[in-house]
Amino acid sequence: MGADDIRATYLLERRLDWAQTENALPATKTPTLVLWGKQDTIQPVERAHRFAELLPNEQLVILDGCGHAPQLDCPDPVNRHLQTFFADSR
């Protein structure tokens, strides 16, 4: 991914309107794991906390040392949290 692609992605995501998503979250009945990189410079960690406030059955994990793509930045902790979440969901 080139510098122009990265900048375009950054600008796109920073300008997204999350109102529709936030309005739908309180009706979500499915248990939800919210994994967020603490060092996300594209979508601030405050958004993760907002999503967690709105979801009725959530588990929020903020991953220190991870950015916007925690599955790429920190695959081991992401995988551990996913395994635990799905094991507990049985």
PDB file of N, CA and C in Angstrom:
ATOM      1  N   MET A   1       0.850  -1.166   0.000  1.00  0.00           N
ATOM      2  CA  MET A   1       0.000   0.000   0.000  1.00  0.00           C
ATOM      3  C   MET A   1       0.899   1.233   0.000  1.00  0.00           C
ATOM      4  N   GLY A   2       0.668   2.105  -0.962  1.00  0.00           N
ATOM      5  CA  GLY A   2       1.484   3.302  -1.066  1.00  0.00           C
ATOM      6  C   GLY A   2       1.014   4.409  -0.137  1.00  0.00           C
ATOM      7  N   ALA A   3       1.821   5.459  -0.055  1.00  0.00           N
ATOM      8  CA  ALA A   3       1.500   6.584   0.829  1.00  0.00           C
ATOM      9  C   ALA A   3       0.164   7.231   0.462  1.00  0.00           C
ATOM     10  N   ASP A   4      -0.126   7.351  -0.842  1.00  0.00           N
ATOM     11  CA  ASP A   4      -1.403   7.931  -1.266  1.00  0.00           C
ATOM     12  C   ASP A   4      -2.574   7.060  -0.829  1.00  0.00           C
ATOM     13  N   ASP A   5      -2.419   5.741  -0.906  1.00  0.00           N
ATOM     14  CA  ASP A   5      -3.470   4.819  -0.479  1.00  0.00           C
ATOM     15  C   ASP A   5      -3.721   4.937   1.023  1.00  0.00           C
ATOM     16  N   ILE A   6      -2.658   5.017   1.775  1.00  0.00           N
ATOM     17  CA  ILE A   6      -2.778   5.133   3.232  1.00  0.00           C
ATOM     18  C   ILE A   6      -3.487   6.435   3.597  1.00  0.00           C
ATOM     19  N   ARG A   7      -3.100   7.515   2.953  1.00  0.00           N
ATOM     20  CA  ARG A   7      -3.736   8.815   3.235  1.00  0.00           C
ATOM     21  C   ARG A   7      -5.212   8.783   2.854  1.00  0.00           C
ATOM     22  N   ALA A   8      -5.547   8.199   1.713  1.00  0.00           N
ATOM     23  CA  ALA A   8      -6.947   8.123   1.280  1.00  0.00           C
ATOM     24  C   ALA A   8      -7.775   7.290   2.262  1.00  0.00           C
ATOM     25  N   THR A   9      -7.233   6.183   2.718  1.00  0.00           N
ATOM     26  CA  THR A   9      -7.929   5.349   3.689  1.00  0.00           C
ATOM     27  C   THR A   9      -8.146   6.111   4.987  1.00  0.00           C
ATOM     28  N   TYR A  10      -7.115   6.787   5.444  1.00  0.00           N
ATOM     29  CA  TYR A  10      -7.204   7.587   6.664  1.00  0.00           C
ATOM     30  C   TYR A  10      -8.310   8.633   6.537  1.00  0.00           C
ATOM     31  N   LEU A  11      -8.317   9.373   5.446  1.00  0.00           N
ATOM     32  CA  LEU A  11      -9.326  10.417   5.246  1.00  0.00           C
ATOM     33  C   LEU A  11     -10.725   9.839   5.145  1.00  0.00           C
ATOM     34  N   LEU A  12     -10.864   8.731   4.453  1.00  0.00           N
ATOM     35  CA  LEU A  12     -12.169   8.082   4.338  1.00  0.00           C
ATOM     36  C   LEU A  12     -12.702   7.686   5.709  1.00  0.00           C
ATOM     37  N   GLU A  13     -11.904   6.976   6.474  1.00  0.00           N
ATOM     38  CA  GLU A  13     -12.367   6.468   7.757  1.00  0.00           C
ATOM     39  C   GLU A  13     -12.602   7.574   8.770  1.00  0.00           C
ATOM     40  N   ARG A  14     -11.825   8.628   8.735  1.00  0.00           N
ATOM     41  CA  ARG A  14     -12.018   9.736   9.675  1.00  0.00           C
ATOM     42  C   ARG A  14     -13.313  10.489   9.387  1.00  0.00           C
ATOM     43  N   ARG A  15     -13.807  10.405   8.168  1.00  0.00           N
ATOM     44  CA  ARG A  15     -15.008  11.148   7.783  1.00  0.00           C
ATOM     45  C   ARG A  15     -16.282  10.304   7.814  1.00  0.00           C
ATOM     46  N   LEU A  16     -16.184   9.047   8.208  1.00  0.00           N
ATOM     47  CA  LEU A  16     -17.369   8.194   8.247  1.00  0.00           C
ATOM     48  C   LEU A  16     -18.355   8.703   9.295  1.00  0.00           C
ATOM     49  N   ASP A  17     -19.641   8.586   8.985  1.00  0.00           N
ATOM     50  CA  ASP A  17     -20.697   8.944   9.918  1.00  0.00           C
ATOM     51  C   ASP A  17     -21.137   7.671  10.643  1.00  0.00           C
ATOM     52  N   TRP A  18     -20.870   7.607  11.924  1.00  0.00           N
ATOM     53  CA  TRP A  18     -21.150   6.413  12.709  1.00  0.00           C
ATOM     54  C   TRP A  18     -22.531   6.448  13.351  1.00  0.00           C
ATOM     55  N   ALA A  19     -23.353   7.463  13.053  1.00  0.00           N
ATOM     56  CA  ALA A  19     -24.664   7.609  13.692  1.00  0.00           C
ATOM     57  C   ALA A  19     -25.560   6.402  13.440  1.00  0.00           C
ATOM     58  N   GLN A  20     -25.622   5.919  12.219  1.00  0.00           N
ATOM     59  CA  GLN A  20     -26.482   4.778  11.904  1.00  0.00           C
ATOM     60  C   GLN A  20     -26.035   3.533  12.667  1.00  0.00           C
ATOM     61  N   THR A  21     -24.743   3.317  12.719  1.00  0.00           N
ATOM     62  CA  THR A  21     -24.205   2.177  13.467  1.00  0.00           C
ATOM     63  C   THR A  21     -24.529   2.321  14.950  1.00  0.00           C
ATOM     64  N   GLU A  22     -24.267   3.487  15.516  1.00  0.00           N
ATOM     65  CA  GLU A  22     -24.518   3.702  16.937  1.00  0.00           C
ATOM     66  C   GLU A  22     -26.002   3.546  17.267  1.00  0.00           C
ATOM     67  N   ASN A  23     -26.874   3.972  16.384  1.00  0.00           N
ATOM     68  CA  ASN A  23     -28.316   3.838  16.622  1.00  0.00           C
ATOM     69  C   ASN A  23     -28.749   2.375  16.646  1.00  0.00           C
ATOM     70  N   ALA A  24     -28.065   1.517  15.895  1.00  0.00           N
ATOM     71  CA  ALA A  24     -28.427   0.099  15.823  1.00  0.00           C
ATOM     72  C   ALA A  24     -27.839  -0.731  16.960  1.00  0.00           C
ATOM     73  N   LEU A  25     -26.770  -0.278  17.571  1.00  0.00           N
ATOM     74  CA  LEU A  25     -26.069  -1.101  18.561  1.00  0.00           C
ATOM     75  C   LEU A  25     -26.928  -1.504  19.763  1.00  0.00           C
ATOM     76  N   PRO A  26     -27.751  -0.644  20.337  1.00  0.00           N
ATOM     77  CA  PRO A  26     -28.532  -1.070  21.507  1.00  0.00           C
ATOM     78  C   PRO A  26     -29.474  -2.239  21.237  1.00  0.00           C
ATOM     79  N   ALA A  27     -29.864  -2.457  20.005  1.00  0.00           N
ATOM     80  CA  ALA A  27     -30.767  -3.565  19.669  1.00  0.00           C
ATOM     81  C   ALA A  27     -30.015  -4.863  19.378  1.00  0.00           C
ATOM     82  N   THR A  28     -28.703  -4.829  19.430  1.00  0.00           N
ATOM     83  CA  THR A  28     -27.889  -6.012  19.136  1.00  0.00           C
ATOM     84  C   THR A  28     -27.979  -6.999  20.290  1.00  0.00           C
ATOM     85  N   LYS A  29     -28.489  -8.167  20.011  1.00  0.00           N
ATOM     86  CA  LYS A  29     -28.667  -9.180  21.055  1.00  0.00           C
ATOM     87  C   LYS A  29     -27.502 -10.172  21.118  1.00  0.00           C
ATOM     88  N   THR A  30     -26.719 -10.224  20.082  1.00  0.00           N
ATOM     89  CA  THR A  30     -25.605 -11.165  20.000  1.00  0.00           C
ATOM     90  C   THR A  30     -24.458 -10.712  20.905  1.00  0.00           C
ATOM     91  N   PRO A  31     -23.896 -11.621  21.705  1.00  0.00           N
ATOM     92  CA  PRO A  31     -22.696 -11.256  22.469  1.00  0.00           C
ATOM     93  C   PRO A  31     -21.617 -10.744  21.513  1.00  0.00           C
ATOM     94  N   THR A  32     -20.977  -9.662  21.902  1.00  0.00           N
ATOM     95  CA  THR A  32     -20.050  -8.984  20.996  1.00  0.00           C
ATOM     96  C   THR A  32     -18.718  -8.726  21.689  1.00  0.00           C
ATOM     97  N   LEU A  33     -17.649  -9.124  21.037  1.00  0.00           N
ATOM     98  CA  LEU A  33     -16.305  -8.815  21.501  1.00  0.00           C
ATOM     99  C   LEU A  33     -15.803  -7.631  20.698  1.00  0.00           C
ATOM    100  N   VAL A  34     -15.462  -6.560  21.398  1.00  0.00           N
ATOM    101  CA  VAL A  34     -14.912  -5.369  20.749  1.00  0.00           C
ATOM    102  C   VAL A  34     -13.420  -5.339  21.066  1.00  0.00           C
ATOM    103  N   LEU A  35     -12.608  -5.587  20.054  1.00  0.00           N
ATOM    104  CA  LEU A  35     -11.150  -5.507  20.190  1.00  0.00           C
ATOM    105  C   LEU A  35     -10.700  -4.230  19.506  1.00  0.00           C
ATOM    106  N   TRP A  36      -9.899  -3.406  20.204  1.00  0.00           N
ATOM    107  CA  TRP A  36      -9.499  -2.115  19.644  1.00  0.00           C
ATOM    108  C   TRP A  36      -8.055  -1.849  20.009  1.00  0.00           C
ATOM    109  N   GLY A  37      -7.314  -1.347  19.045  1.00  0.00           N
ATOM    110  CA  GLY A  37      -5.928  -0.973  19.298  1.00  0.00           C
ATOM    111  C   GLY A  37      -5.847   0.360  20.017  1.00  0.00           C
ATOM    112  N   LYS A  38      -5.149   0.390  21.129  1.00  0.00           N
ATOM    113  CA  LYS A  38      -5.008   1.622  21.918  1.00  0.00           C
ATOM    114  C   LYS A  38      -4.326   2.725  21.118  1.00  0.00           C
ATOM    115  N   GLN A  39      -3.437   2.345  20.214  1.00  0.00           N
ATOM    116  CA  GLN A  39      -2.708   3.318  19.414  1.00  0.00           C
ATOM    117  C   GLN A  39      -3.323   3.506  18.027  1.00  0.00           C
ATOM    118  N   ASP A  40      -4.606   3.221  17.876  1.00  0.00           N
ATOM    119  CA  ASP A  40      -5.294   3.432  16.600  1.00  0.00           C
ATOM    120  C   ASP A  40      -5.319   4.930  16.312  1.00  0.00           C
ATOM    121  N   THR A  41      -4.700   5.334  15.231  1.00  0.00           N
ATOM    122  CA  THR A  41      -4.658   6.750  14.862  1.00  0.00           C
ATOM    123  C   THR A  41      -5.726   7.095  13.827  1.00  0.00           C
ATOM    124  N   ILE A  42      -6.481   6.095  13.374  1.00  0.00           N
ATOM    125  CA  ILE A  42      -7.514   6.344  12.369  1.00  0.00           C
ATOM    126  C   ILE A  42      -8.883   6.444  13.038  1.00  0.00           C
ATOM    127  N   GLN A  43      -9.204   5.491  13.887  1.00  0.00           N
ATOM    128  CA  GLN A  43     -10.445   5.529  14.668  1.00  0.00           C
ATOM    129  C   GLN A  43     -10.035   5.572  16.145  1.00  0.00           C
ATOM    130  N   PRO A  44     -10.297   6.662  16.816  1.00  0.00           N
ATOM    131  CA  PRO A  44      -9.821   6.815  18.192  1.00  0.00           C
ATOM    132  C   PRO A  44     -10.428   5.795  19.144  1.00  0.00           C
ATOM    133  N   VAL A  45      -9.682   5.473  20.172  1.00  0.00           N
ATOM    134  CA  VAL A  45     -10.104   4.470  21.148  1.00  0.00           C
ATOM    135  C   VAL A  45     -11.397   4.893  21.855  1.00  0.00           C
ATOM    136  N   GLU A  46     -11.686   6.164  21.879  1.00  0.00           N
ATOM    137  CA  GLU A  46     -12.943   6.632  22.466  1.00  0.00           C
ATOM    138  C   GLU A  46     -14.154   6.020  21.751  1.00  0.00           C
ATOM    139  N   ARG A  47     -14.016   5.755  20.461  1.00  0.00           N
ATOM    140  CA  ARG A  47     -15.106   5.125  19.712  1.00  0.00           C
ATOM    141  C   ARG A  47     -15.372   3.720  20.245  1.00  0.00           C
ATOM    142  N   ALA A  48     -14.339   2.997  20.615  1.00  0.00           N
ATOM    143  CA  ALA A  48     -14.523   1.657  21.188  1.00  0.00           C
ATOM    144  C   ALA A  48     -15.319   1.743  22.485  1.00  0.00           C
ATOM    145  N   HIS A  49     -14.990   2.717  23.308  1.00  0.00           N
ATOM    146  CA  HIS A  49     -15.721   2.894  24.560  1.00  0.00           C
ATOM    147  C   HIS A  49     -17.175   3.268  24.291  1.00  0.00           C
ATOM    148  N   ARG A  50     -17.410   4.087  23.281  1.00  0.00           N
ATOM    149  CA  ARG A  50     -18.779   4.464  22.914  1.00  0.00           C
ATOM    150  C   ARG A  50     -19.564   3.232  22.450  1.00  0.00           C
ATOM    151  N   PHE A  51     -18.955   2.422  21.594  1.00  0.00           N
ATOM    152  CA  PHE A  51     -19.614   1.198  21.140  1.00  0.00           C
ATOM    153  C   PHE A  51     -19.942   0.296  22.337  1.00  0.00           C
ATOM    154  N   ALA A  52     -19.003   0.174  23.251  1.00  0.00           N
ATOM    155  CA  ALA A  52     -19.214  -0.676  24.428  1.00  0.00           C
ATOM    156  C   ALA A  52     -20.367  -0.155  25.284  1.00  0.00           C
ATOM    157  N   GLU A  53     -20.494   1.157  25.394  1.00  0.00           N
ATOM    158  CA  GLU A  53     -21.608   1.742  26.149  1.00  0.00           C
ATOM    159  C   GLU A  53     -22.952   1.382  25.514  1.00  0.00           C
ATOM    160  N   LEU A  54     -22.985   1.312  24.201  1.00  0.00           N
ATOM    161  CA  LEU A  54     -24.236   1.107  23.478  1.00  0.00           C
ATOM    162  C   LEU A  54     -24.623  -0.359  23.310  1.00  0.00           C
ATOM    163  N   LEU A  55     -23.657  -1.233  23.313  1.00  0.00           N
ATOM    164  CA  LEU A  55     -23.939  -2.664  23.133  1.00  0.00           C
ATOM    165  C   LEU A  55     -24.405  -3.274  24.452  1.00  0.00           C
ATOM    166  N   PRO A  56     -25.536  -3.967  24.447  1.00  0.00           N
ATOM    167  CA  PRO A  56     -26.058  -4.512  25.696  1.00  0.00           C
ATOM    168  C   PRO A  56     -25.304  -5.740  26.218  1.00  0.00           C
ATOM    169  N   ASN A  57     -24.607  -6.456  25.359  1.00  0.00           N
ATOM    170  CA  ASN A  57     -23.932  -7.684  25.765  1.00  0.00           C
ATOM    171  C   ASN A  57     -22.542  -7.705  25.151  1.00  0.00           C
ATOM    172  N   GLU A  58     -21.685  -6.839  25.680  1.00  0.00           N
ATOM    173  CA  GLU A  58     -20.362  -6.672  25.065  1.00  0.00           C
ATOM    174  C   GLU A  58     -19.249  -7.001  26.040  1.00  0.00           C
ATOM    175  N   GLN A  59     -18.116  -7.271  25.427  1.00  0.00           N
ATOM    176  CA  GLN A  59     -16.859  -7.393  26.160  1.00  0.00           C
ATOM    177  C   GLN A  59     -15.864  -6.518  25.409  1.00  0.00           C
ATOM    178  N   LEU A  60     -15.323  -5.520  26.064  1.00  0.00           N
ATOM    179  CA  LEU A  60     -14.383  -4.595  25.439  1.00  0.00           C
ATOM    180  C   LEU A  60     -12.968  -4.922  25.874  1.00  0.00           C
ATOM    181  N   VAL A  61     -12.075  -5.020  24.894  1.00  0.00           N
ATOM    182  CA  VAL A  61     -10.652  -5.227  25.164  1.00  0.00           C
ATOM    183  C   VAL A  61      -9.880  -4.183  24.364  1.00  0.00           C
ATOM    184  N   ILE A  62      -9.123  -3.357  25.068  1.00  0.00           N
ATOM    185  CA  ILE A  62      -8.247  -2.378  24.430  1.00  0.00           C
ATOM    186  C   ILE A  62      -6.838  -2.976  24.458  1.00  0.00           C
ATOM    187  N   LEU A  63      -6.255  -3.112  23.290  1.00  0.00           N
ATOM    188  CA  LEU A  63      -4.949  -3.763  23.159  1.00  0.00           C
ATOM    189  C   LEU A  63      -3.842  -2.714  23.062  1.00  0.00           C
ATOM    190  N   ASP A  64      -3.038  -2.648  24.105  1.00  0.00           N
ATOM    191  CA  ASP A  64      -1.922  -1.704  24.139  1.00  0.00           C
ATOM    192  C   ASP A  64      -0.854  -2.145  23.146  1.00  0.00           C
ATOM    193  N   GLY A  65      -0.301  -1.200  22.428  1.00  0.00           N
ATOM    194  CA  GLY A  65       0.744  -1.493  21.455  1.00  0.00           C
ATOM    195  C   GLY A  65       0.199  -1.856  20.086  1.00  0.00           C
ATOM    196  N   CYS A  66      -1.122  -1.764  19.913  1.00  0.00           N
ATOM    197  CA  CYS A  66      -1.749  -2.105  18.639  1.00  0.00           C
ATOM    198  C   CYS A  66      -2.373  -0.860  18.028  1.00  0.00           C
ATOM    199  N   GLY A  67      -2.404  -0.832  16.708  1.00  0.00           N
ATOM    200  CA  GLY A  67      -2.988   0.293  15.990  1.00  0.00           C
ATOM    201  C   GLY A  67      -4.347  -0.051  15.414  1.00  0.00           C
ATOM    202  N   HIS A  68      -4.598   0.463  14.216  1.00  0.00           N
ATOM    203  CA  HIS A  68      -5.904   0.342  13.576  1.00  0.00           C
ATOM    204  C   HIS A  68      -6.235  -1.087  13.143  1.00  0.00           C
ATOM    205  N   ALA A  69      -5.239  -1.893  12.922  1.00  0.00           N
ATOM    206  CA  ALA A  69      -5.459  -3.281  12.491  1.00  0.00           C
ATOM    207  C   ALA A  69      -4.848  -4.218  13.534  1.00  0.00           C
ATOM    208  N   PRO A  70      -5.505  -4.358  14.689  1.00  0.00           N
ATOM    209  CA  PRO A  70      -4.896  -5.172  15.749  1.00  0.00           C
ATOM    210  C   PRO A  70      -4.647  -6.619  15.350  1.00  0.00           C
ATOM    211  N   GLN A  71      -5.463  -7.157  14.444  1.00  0.00           N
ATOM    212  CA  GLN A  71      -5.250  -8.536  14.003  1.00  0.00           C
ATOM    213  C   GLN A  71      -3.926  -8.676  13.261  1.00  0.00           C
ATOM    214  N   LEU A  72      -3.438  -7.579  12.687  1.00  0.00           N
ATOM    215  CA  LEU A  72      -2.132  -7.592  12.019  1.00  0.00           C
ATOM    216  C   LEU A  72      -1.031  -7.128  12.956  1.00  0.00           C
ATOM    217  N   ASP A  73      -1.326  -6.104  13.770  1.00  0.00           N
ATOM    218  CA  ASP A  73      -0.327  -5.529  14.675  1.00  0.00           C
ATOM    219  C   ASP A  73       0.001  -6.457  15.844  1.00  0.00           C
ATOM    220  N   CYS A  74      -1.016  -7.146  16.350  1.00  0.00           N
ATOM    221  CA  CYS A  74      -0.873  -7.951  17.568  1.00  0.00           C
ATOM    222  C   CYS A  74      -1.636  -9.265  17.436  1.00  0.00           C
ATOM    223  N   PRO A  75      -1.266 -10.111  16.488  1.00  0.00           N
ATOM    224  CA  PRO A  75      -2.072 -11.316  16.235  1.00  0.00           C
ATOM    225  C   PRO A  75      -2.178 -12.265  17.421  1.00  0.00           C
ATOM    226  N   ASP A  76      -1.134 -12.398  18.215  1.00  0.00           N
ATOM    227  CA  ASP A  76      -1.194 -13.359  19.327  1.00  0.00           C
ATOM    228  C   ASP A  76      -2.239 -12.967  20.376  1.00  0.00           C
ATOM    229  N   PRO A  77      -2.225 -11.723  20.891  1.00  0.00           N
ATOM    230  CA  PRO A  77      -3.271 -11.386  21.859  1.00  0.00           C
ATOM    231  C   PRO A  77      -4.668 -11.385  21.241  1.00  0.00           C
ATOM    232  N   VAL A  78      -4.781 -10.967  19.993  1.00  0.00           N
ATOM    233  CA  VAL A  78      -6.088 -10.996  19.331  1.00  0.00           C
ATOM    234  C   VAL A  78      -6.606 -12.427  19.284  1.00  0.00           C
ATOM    235  N   ASN A  79      -5.775 -13.350  18.866  1.00  0.00           N
ATOM    236  CA  ASN A  79      -6.185 -14.756  18.779  1.00  0.00           C
ATOM    237  C   ASN A  79      -6.559 -15.319  20.151  1.00  0.00           C
ATOM    238  N   ARG A  80      -5.805 -14.958  21.189  1.00  0.00           N
ATOM    239  CA  ARG A  80      -6.119 -15.435  22.542  1.00  0.00           C
ATOM    240  C   ARG A  80      -7.485 -14.918  22.985  1.00  0.00           C
ATOM    241  N   HIS A  81      -7.746 -13.633  22.749  1.00  0.00           N
ATOM    242  CA  HIS A  81      -9.038 -13.064  23.146  1.00  0.00           C
ATOM    243  C   HIS A  81     -10.186 -13.687  22.348  1.00  0.00           C
ATOM    244  N   LEU A  82      -9.968 -13.920  21.072  1.00  0.00           N
ATOM    245  CA  LEU A  82     -10.997 -14.568  20.257  1.00  0.00           C
ATOM    246  C   LEU A  82     -11.285 -15.992  20.736  1.00  0.00           C
ATOM    247  N   GLN A  83     -10.231 -16.741  21.005  1.00  0.00           N
ATOM    248  CA  GLN A  83     -10.411 -18.115  21.482  1.00  0.00           C
ATOM    249  C   GLN A  83     -11.175 -18.142  22.797  1.00  0.00           C
ATOM    250  N   THR A  84     -10.822 -17.282  23.724  1.00  0.00           N
ATOM    251  CA  THR A  84     -11.505 -17.217  25.012  1.00  0.00           C
ATOM    252  C   THR A  84     -12.959 -16.809  24.833  1.00  0.00           C
ATOM    253  N   PHE A  85     -13.190 -15.800  24.011  1.00  0.00           N
ATOM    254  CA  PHE A  85     -14.548 -15.301  23.778  1.00  0.00           C
ATOM    255  C   PHE A  85     -15.434 -16.401  23.203  1.00  0.00           C
ATOM    256  N   PHE A  86     -14.948 -17.088  22.184  1.00  0.00           N
ATOM    257  CA  PHE A  86     -15.755 -18.124  21.552  1.00  0.00           C
ATOM    258  C   PHE A  86     -15.904 -19.359  22.446  1.00  0.00           C
ATOM    259  N   ALA A  87     -14.894 -19.675  23.221  1.00  0.00           N
ATOM    260  CA  ALA A  87     -14.997 -20.806  24.157  1.00  0.00           C
ATOM    261  C   ALA A  87     -16.047 -20.505  25.236  1.00  0.00           C
ATOM    262  N   ASP A  88     -16.091 -19.257  25.693  1.00  0.00           N
ATOM    263  CA  ASP A  88     -17.055 -18.865  26.720  1.00  0.00           C
ATOM    264  C   ASP A  88     -18.468 -18.736  26.162  1.00  0.00           C
ATOM    265  N   SER A  89     -18.599 -18.643  24.842  1.00  0.00           N
ATOM    266  CA  SER A  89     -19.909 -18.438  24.204  1.00  0.00           C
ATOM    267  C   SER A  89     -20.669 -19.748  24.001  1.00  0.00           C
ATOM    268  N   ARG A  90     -20.053 -20.863  24.275  1.00  0.00           N
ATOM    269  CA  ARG A  90     -20.707 -22.159  24.040  1.00  0.00           C
ATOM    270  C   ARG A  90     -21.825 -22.405  25.001  1.00  0.00           C
TER     271      ARG A  90
END
